[in-house]
């Protein structure tokens, strides 16, 4: 069957939220798709819920035992026949126009191989926006430091998956998406994000705490390997400080400030020599981290406002207006006190 889109959704013990996820796909405004649901050995009522739908677009695959999210998703992708493959998770909710907007974008931009979008993260008590860089060069540059693509918002051209063997690595469960996007950009695939919410992403305590230690170690390994691509290897203590800063909000005293600043300068210098990334986009990415650095440092020295503005003006001068503008349209307009990618909207009605 030739369809425009193949939707791939692995399921493992999601009976509580599964109907919402399924119906958000079946109610898409773009109707020409197949819906491949891979039941990864569920032991709850997920199987019965899936079988209760009579929609002919649903293709049900049942695995005899739980094999992991990456194995199930790869199986669904290899069974796909659509021109594009849309990724979905079994406890999230896609907005009704998601597929139409992504399909139209890919049709208008043949140079783009993968397109994602924003997520509205939510619990029963609150919600906030998770935004991502939109421009391909900026996405690629940001992936050097952090994940810049929301997996369950993604639509990919099936031909680029097959051409570049862009399947998930089962050894990297819980970090498989970050690895895939990075490998895609290194293979020359351009990734973009639509500047709008495409999906409601459900947060739960078990989800947020599961595999957290494994994930932290994987993230460290990813960043070490990124640094090595630029010929940079750090002592463990120095690496821990830099990586801790890259990942989140930390206290920055003068020694840490100088160490992090020096390493960001080194990263920029080495990239210029190797030319792995767009100069402007990499400058824009580094501007984001350098701006955070001076913000954190001067937060500990609140009286020194002159020092903050002096460093800020010097940073802007060094970065250049073109890179600052790229930063602003991708990140700056969304920044709030809660940090990159978090804009609170208050309790859900």
Protein backbone atom coordinates (compact mmCIF):
# COMPACT_ATOMS: atom_id res chain seq x y z
CA UNK A 1 0.00 0.00 0.00
CA UNK A 2 1.45 3.36 -1.04
CA UNK A 3 0.60 6.11 1.44
CA UNK A 4 2.00 9.56 2.13
CA UNK A 5 2.93 8.86 5.75
CA UNK A 6 3.75 5.83 7.88
CA UNK A 7 3.21 6.51 11.58
CA UNK A 8 5.34 4.34 13.87
CA UNK A 9 4.39 4.00 17.52
CA UNK A 10 5.91 1.45 19.94
CA UNK A 11 3.75 0.52 22.94
CA UNK A 12 4.71 -1.04 26.25
CA UNK A 13 2.21 -1.11 29.12
CA UNK A 14 0.52 2.21 28.34
CA UNK A 15 -3.13 1.28 28.94
CA UNK A 16 -3.84 4.45 30.92
CA UNK A 17 -2.97 6.88 28.12
CA UNK A 18 -3.01 4.76 24.98
CA UNK A 19 -6.47 5.74 23.69
CA UNK A 20 -5.60 9.43 23.74
CA UNK A 21 -2.43 8.77 21.77
CA UNK A 22 -4.15 6.56 19.18
CA UNK A 23 -7.09 8.91 18.67
CA UNK A 24 -4.81 11.91 18.25
CA UNK A 25 -3.37 10.08 15.22
CA UNK A 26 -6.65 8.81 13.81
CA UNK A 27 -8.07 12.35 14.04
CA UNK A 28 -5.32 13.99 11.98
CA UNK A 29 -6.53 16.37 9.29
CA UNK A 30 -4.23 14.65 6.79
CA UNK A 31 -5.86 11.24 6.33
CA UNK A 32 -3.52 9.42 3.94
CA UNK A 33 -1.38 7.37 6.32
CA UNK A 34 -0.81 3.93 7.75
CA UNK A 35 -0.52 3.58 11.51
CA UNK A 36 2.01 0.94 12.54
CA UNK A 37 1.62 0.09 16.22
CA UNK A 38 4.31 -2.22 17.62
CA UNK A 39 3.26 -3.81 20.92
CA UNK A 40 6.55 -4.51 22.66
CA UNK A 41 5.32 -7.44 24.76
CA UNK A 42 2.86 -5.48 26.93
CA UNK A 43 1.48 -7.33 29.97
CA UNK A 44 -1.40 -4.94 30.70
CA UNK A 45 -4.51 -4.21 28.59
CA UNK A 46 -2.63 -2.31 25.86
CA UNK A 47 -3.15 -5.13 23.35
CA UNK A 48 -6.91 -5.21 23.93
CA UNK A 49 -7.14 -1.44 23.56
CA UNK A 50 -5.31 -1.52 20.21
CA UNK A 51 -7.47 -4.38 18.91
CA UNK A 52 -10.64 -2.51 19.85
CA UNK A 53 -10.07 -0.11 16.92
CA UNK A 54 -11.40 -1.19 13.54
CA UNK A 55 -9.70 1.56 11.51
CA UNK A 56 -8.09 -0.14 8.49
CA UNK A 57 -5.12 2.21 8.63
CA UNK A 58 -3.91 0.50 11.81
CA UNK A 59 -1.27 -2.22 11.32
CA UNK A 60 -0.70 -4.14 14.55
CA UNK A 61 2.59 -5.92 15.26
CA UNK A 62 2.93 -7.90 18.47
CA UNK A 63 6.34 -8.89 19.90
CA UNK A 64 6.40 -12.03 22.03
CA UNK A 65 8.50 -10.37 24.73
CA UNK A 66 9.67 -6.92 25.70
CA UNK A 67 12.69 -6.06 23.52
CA UNK A 68 13.06 -2.35 24.18
CA UNK A 69 11.77 0.82 22.60
CA UNK A 70 14.54 1.05 19.98
CA UNK A 71 13.99 -2.49 18.70
CA UNK A 72 10.23 -1.95 18.46
CA UNK A 73 10.60 1.40 16.70
CA UNK A 74 13.13 0.02 14.23
CA UNK A 75 10.78 -2.85 13.42
CA UNK A 76 7.97 -0.40 12.70
CA UNK A 77 10.20 1.77 10.52
CA UNK A 78 11.34 -1.22 8.47
CA UNK A 79 7.71 -2.25 7.94
CA UNK A 80 6.76 1.24 6.70
CA UNK A 81 5.69 1.87 3.11
CA UNK A 82 4.99 5.62 3.28
CA UNK A 83 6.90 8.41 1.59
CA UNK A 84 7.61 9.84 5.04
CA UNK A 85 7.79 8.26 8.50
CA UNK A 86 6.26 10.04 11.50
CA UNK A 87 7.41 9.13 14.99
CA UNK A 88 4.89 8.90 17.84
CA UNK A 89 4.98 7.84 21.49
CA UNK A 90 2.16 5.92 23.14
CA UNK A 91 1.43 8.37 25.97
CA UNK A 92 1.56 11.65 24.03
CA UNK A 93 -0.99 13.62 22.01
CA UNK A 94 -0.31 14.94 18.50
CA UNK A 95 -2.14 18.13 17.51
CA UNK A 96 -4.69 17.52 14.70
CA UNK A 97 -2.78 19.50 12.06
CA UNK A 98 0.64 18.03 12.85
CA UNK A 99 0.98 15.72 9.82
CA UNK A 100 -0.41 18.22 7.34
CA UNK A 101 1.98 20.93 8.47
CA UNK A 102 5.03 18.66 8.40
CA UNK A 103 4.11 17.09 5.07
CA UNK A 104 3.59 20.52 3.48
CA UNK A 105 6.93 21.69 4.88
CA UNK A 106 8.84 18.71 3.48
CA UNK A 107 7.16 19.15 0.10
CA UNK A 108 8.20 22.81 -0.02
CA UNK A 109 11.73 22.14 1.27
CA UNK A 110 13.24 19.15 -0.54
CA UNK A 111 16.65 19.89 1.02
CA UNK A 112 15.29 19.00 4.49
CA UNK A 113 15.38 15.32 5.43
CA UNK A 114 13.97 15.47 8.98
CA UNK A 115 11.51 17.93 10.51
CA UNK A 116 10.37 18.22 14.11
CA UNK A 117 8.63 20.89 16.13
CA UNK A 118 7.89 22.21 19.59
CA UNK A 119 6.38 20.18 22.44
CA UNK A 120 4.01 21.31 25.17
CA UNK A 121 5.24 19.37 28.20
CA UNK A 122 2.47 18.67 30.68
CA UNK A 123 1.40 16.97 33.89
CA UNK A 124 -1.98 17.03 35.62
CA UNK A 125 -0.93 20.28 37.33
CA UNK A 126 1.10 22.40 34.91
CA UNK A 127 2.49 22.72 31.40
CA UNK A 128 5.40 24.47 29.72
CA UNK A 129 6.84 24.92 26.26
CA UNK A 130 9.82 22.92 25.03
CA UNK A 131 11.23 24.74 22.04
CA UNK A 132 14.03 23.76 19.70
CA UNK A 133 16.22 25.57 17.15
CA UNK A 134 14.51 25.84 13.77
CA UNK A 135 17.28 26.49 11.23
CA UNK A 136 19.26 23.43 10.00
CA UNK A 137 22.74 24.88 10.56
CA UNK A 138 21.79 25.93 14.07
CA UNK A 139 20.21 22.53 14.84
CA UNK A 140 23.41 20.81 13.72
CA UNK A 141 25.59 23.14 15.80
CA UNK A 142 23.43 22.78 18.90
CA UNK A 143 23.59 18.98 18.61
CA UNK A 144 27.30 19.25 19.42
CA UNK A 145 26.28 20.26 22.95
CA UNK A 146 22.71 19.07 23.55
CA UNK A 147 19.78 17.34 21.90
CA UNK A 148 17.97 19.80 19.64
CA UNK A 149 15.14 17.63 18.26
CA UNK A 150 12.01 16.32 20.01
CA UNK A 151 11.74 12.67 19.00
CA UNK A 152 7.91 12.23 19.10
CA UNK A 153 7.48 15.37 16.96
CA UNK A 154 9.64 14.07 14.09
CA UNK A 155 8.75 13.27 10.49
CA UNK A 156 11.51 11.81 8.27
CA UNK A 157 11.84 11.06 4.60
CA UNK A 158 11.91 7.26 4.33
CA UNK A 159 14.46 7.42 1.51
CA UNK A 160 17.07 9.12 3.71
CA UNK A 161 16.59 6.51 6.44
CA UNK A 162 17.34 3.73 3.99
CA UNK A 163 20.12 5.61 2.20
CA UNK A 164 22.06 6.46 5.37
CA UNK A 165 20.97 3.52 7.57
CA UNK A 166 19.36 5.91 10.03
CA UNK A 167 17.85 3.41 12.43
CA UNK A 168 18.03 3.57 16.21
CA UNK A 169 20.94 1.95 18.02
CA UNK A 170 19.52 -0.63 20.50
CA UNK A 171 22.61 -0.24 22.68
CA UNK A 172 21.63 3.36 23.38
CA UNK A 173 18.17 2.90 24.87
CA UNK A 174 16.90 6.24 26.31
CA UNK A 175 19.50 8.17 24.28
CA UNK A 176 18.88 6.62 20.87
CA UNK A 177 17.21 9.70 19.39
CA UNK A 178 20.08 12.10 20.19
CA UNK A 179 22.51 9.66 18.60
CA UNK A 180 20.33 9.31 15.50
CA UNK A 181 19.99 13.06 14.89
CA UNK A 182 23.73 13.56 15.32
CA UNK A 183 24.56 10.73 12.90
CA UNK A 184 22.05 12.16 10.43
CA UNK A 185 23.64 15.62 10.42
CA UNK A 186 27.12 14.12 10.12
CA UNK A 187 25.85 12.21 7.05
CA UNK A 188 24.74 15.50 5.50
CA UNK A 189 21.03 15.26 6.31
CA UNK A 190 19.50 18.64 7.13
CA UNK A 191 17.18 18.81 10.14
CA UNK A 192 14.70 21.61 10.79
CA UNK A 193 12.07 22.29 13.46
CA UNK A 194 8.75 24.03 12.88
CA UNK A 195 8.34 27.06 15.11
CA UNK A 196 5.09 25.82 16.67
CA UNK A 197 3.69 23.18 19.02
CA UNK A 198 3.06 19.85 17.28
CA UNK A 199 2.67 17.59 20.28
CA UNK A 200 1.59 17.44 23.92
CA UNK A 201 4.28 15.48 25.78
CA UNK A 202 3.16 13.76 28.97
CA UNK A 203 5.47 13.88 31.98
CA UNK A 204 5.17 11.42 34.84
CA UNK A 205 7.33 10.81 37.95
CA UNK A 206 8.26 7.30 36.80
CA UNK A 207 9.16 8.57 33.34
CA UNK A 208 11.30 11.40 34.66
CA UNK A 209 13.22 9.21 37.12
CA UNK A 210 13.65 6.06 35.04
CA UNK A 211 17.17 5.25 33.85
CA UNK A 212 18.38 8.68 34.99
CA UNK A 213 21.84 7.46 36.04
CA UNK A 214 22.36 5.55 32.78
CA UNK A 215 21.24 8.59 30.84
CA UNK A 216 23.70 10.86 32.65
CA UNK A 217 26.60 8.56 31.86
CA UNK A 218 25.54 8.24 28.22
CA UNK A 219 25.34 12.03 27.90
CA UNK A 220 28.85 12.33 29.28
CA UNK A 221 30.08 9.74 26.80
CA UNK A 222 28.37 11.58 23.93
CA UNK A 223 29.98 14.88 24.89
CA UNK A 224 33.44 13.34 25.29
CA UNK A 225 33.15 11.92 21.77
CA UNK A 226 31.99 15.28 20.40
CA UNK A 227 35.00 16.98 21.95
CA UNK A 228 37.30 14.36 20.43
CA UNK A 229 35.99 15.21 16.96
CA UNK A 230 37.59 18.61 17.56
CA UNK A 231 40.75 17.09 18.98
CA UNK A 232 39.92 18.03 22.58
CA UNK A 233 40.47 15.75 25.57
CA UNK A 234 40.04 17.11 29.10
CA UNK A 235 41.08 15.98 32.56
CA UNK A 236 38.15 14.37 34.38
CA UNK A 237 37.67 17.22 36.86
CA UNK A 238 37.74 19.82 34.07
CA UNK A 239 35.36 17.77 31.95
CA UNK A 240 32.88 17.40 34.84
CA UNK A 241 32.74 21.17 35.34
CA UNK A 242 32.27 21.92 31.64
CA UNK A 243 29.68 19.16 31.13
CA UNK A 244 27.76 20.15 34.27
CA UNK A 245 27.52 23.68 32.93
CA UNK A 246 26.42 22.53 29.46
CA UNK A 247 23.66 20.35 30.91
CA UNK A 248 22.09 22.81 33.32
CA UNK A 249 22.09 25.59 35.88
CA UNK A 250 25.17 25.59 38.13
CA UNK A 251 26.92 27.96 40.51
CA UNK A 252 29.90 29.59 38.80
CA UNK A 253 32.69 31.09 40.88
CA UNK A 254 35.68 32.88 39.33
CA UNK A 255 37.77 29.74 38.84
CA UNK A 256 34.91 27.87 37.15
CA UNK A 257 34.09 30.92 35.08
CA UNK A 258 37.63 31.13 33.71
CA UNK A 259 37.82 27.36 33.11
CA UNK A 260 34.50 27.18 31.23
CA UNK A 261 35.24 30.34 29.26
CA UNK A 262 38.64 28.97 28.22
CA UNK A 263 37.16 25.69 27.04
CA UNK A 264 34.37 27.38 25.06
CA UNK A 265 37.06 29.48 23.37
CA UNK A 266 39.05 26.32 22.65
CA UNK A 267 35.99 24.60 21.16
CA UNK A 268 35.39 27.57 18.86
CA UNK A 269 39.05 27.77 17.82
CA UNK A 270 39.31 24.06 17.04
CA UNK A 271 36.07 24.06 15.07
CA UNK A 272 37.36 26.91 12.91
CA UNK A 273 40.38 24.76 12.05
CA UNK A 274 38.34 21.64 11.28
CA UNK A 275 35.33 23.46 9.73
CA UNK A 276 32.79 20.86 10.91
CA UNK A 277 30.05 23.41 11.49
CA UNK A 278 28.75 26.62 9.96
CA UNK A 279 30.82 29.48 11.44
CA UNK A 280 27.80 31.71 12.01
CA UNK A 281 25.60 28.96 13.48
CA UNK A 282 28.38 27.72 15.77
CA UNK A 283 29.03 31.28 16.94
CA UNK A 284 25.30 31.64 17.65
CA UNK A 285 25.31 28.40 19.65
CA UNK A 286 28.36 29.46 21.63
CA UNK A 287 26.72 32.85 22.24
CA UNK A 288 23.89 31.02 23.99
CA UNK A 289 26.30 29.22 26.33
CA UNK A 290 28.54 32.26 26.86
CA UNK A 291 25.51 34.37 27.72
CA UNK A 292 24.46 31.76 30.28
CA UNK A 293 27.99 31.72 31.68
CA UNK A 294 28.18 35.44 32.40
CA UNK A 295 24.61 35.38 33.72
CA UNK A 296 25.48 32.61 36.20
CA UNK A 297 28.77 34.24 37.20
CA UNK A 298 27.34 37.68 37.86
CA UNK A 299 24.39 36.19 39.68
CA UNK A 300 26.94 35.42 42.41
CA UNK A 301 28.19 39.04 42.20
CA UNK A 302 24.94 40.98 42.08
CA UNK A 303 26.51 44.32 42.95
CA UNK A 304 28.83 44.27 39.94
CA UNK A 305 26.26 45.32 37.31
CA UNK A 306 28.90 47.29 35.43
CA UNK A 307 31.00 44.14 35.07
CA UNK A 308 28.03 42.20 33.70
CA UNK A 309 27.19 44.77 31.04
CA UNK A 310 30.84 45.21 30.13
CA UNK A 311 31.16 41.48 29.51
CA UNK A 312 27.82 41.36 27.71
CA UNK A 313 28.76 44.16 25.31
CA UNK A 314 32.15 42.56 24.69
CA UNK A 315 30.47 39.22 24.01
CA UNK A 316 28.07 40.80 21.52
CA UNK A 317 30.94 42.54 19.74
CA UNK A 318 32.95 39.32 19.52
CA UNK A 319 29.97 37.28 18.31
CA UNK A 320 28.75 39.62 15.57
CA UNK A 321 25.23 40.70 14.65
CA UNK A 322 24.58 37.90 12.15
CA UNK A 323 25.18 35.19 14.75
CA UNK A 324 23.28 37.10 17.45
CA UNK A 325 20.29 37.40 15.14
CA UNK A 326 20.41 33.65 14.44
CA UNK A 327 20.54 33.03 18.18
CA UNK A 328 17.64 35.39 18.82
CA UNK A 329 15.23 33.87 16.31
CA UNK A 330 16.06 30.34 17.53
CA UNK A 331 16.50 30.77 21.27
CA UNK A 332 16.51 34.34 22.53
CA UNK A 333 12.82 35.08 22.09
CA UNK A 334 11.92 32.01 24.18
CA UNK A 335 14.31 32.46 27.09
CA UNK A 336 12.75 32.96 30.50
CA UNK A 337 13.92 32.76 34.09
CA UNK A 338 13.41 29.01 34.01
CA UNK A 339 16.10 28.62 31.34
CA UNK A 340 16.27 27.53 27.74
CA UNK A 341 13.25 25.64 26.44
CA UNK A 342 10.99 26.37 29.42
CA UNK A 343 8.15 28.85 29.26
CA UNK A 344 5.43 28.26 31.81
CA UNK A 345 1.78 28.55 30.85
CA UNK A 346 0.20 27.71 34.21
CA UNK A 347 -2.07 24.85 35.24
CA UNK A 348 -3.95 22.80 32.67
CA UNK A 349 -7.72 23.45 32.74
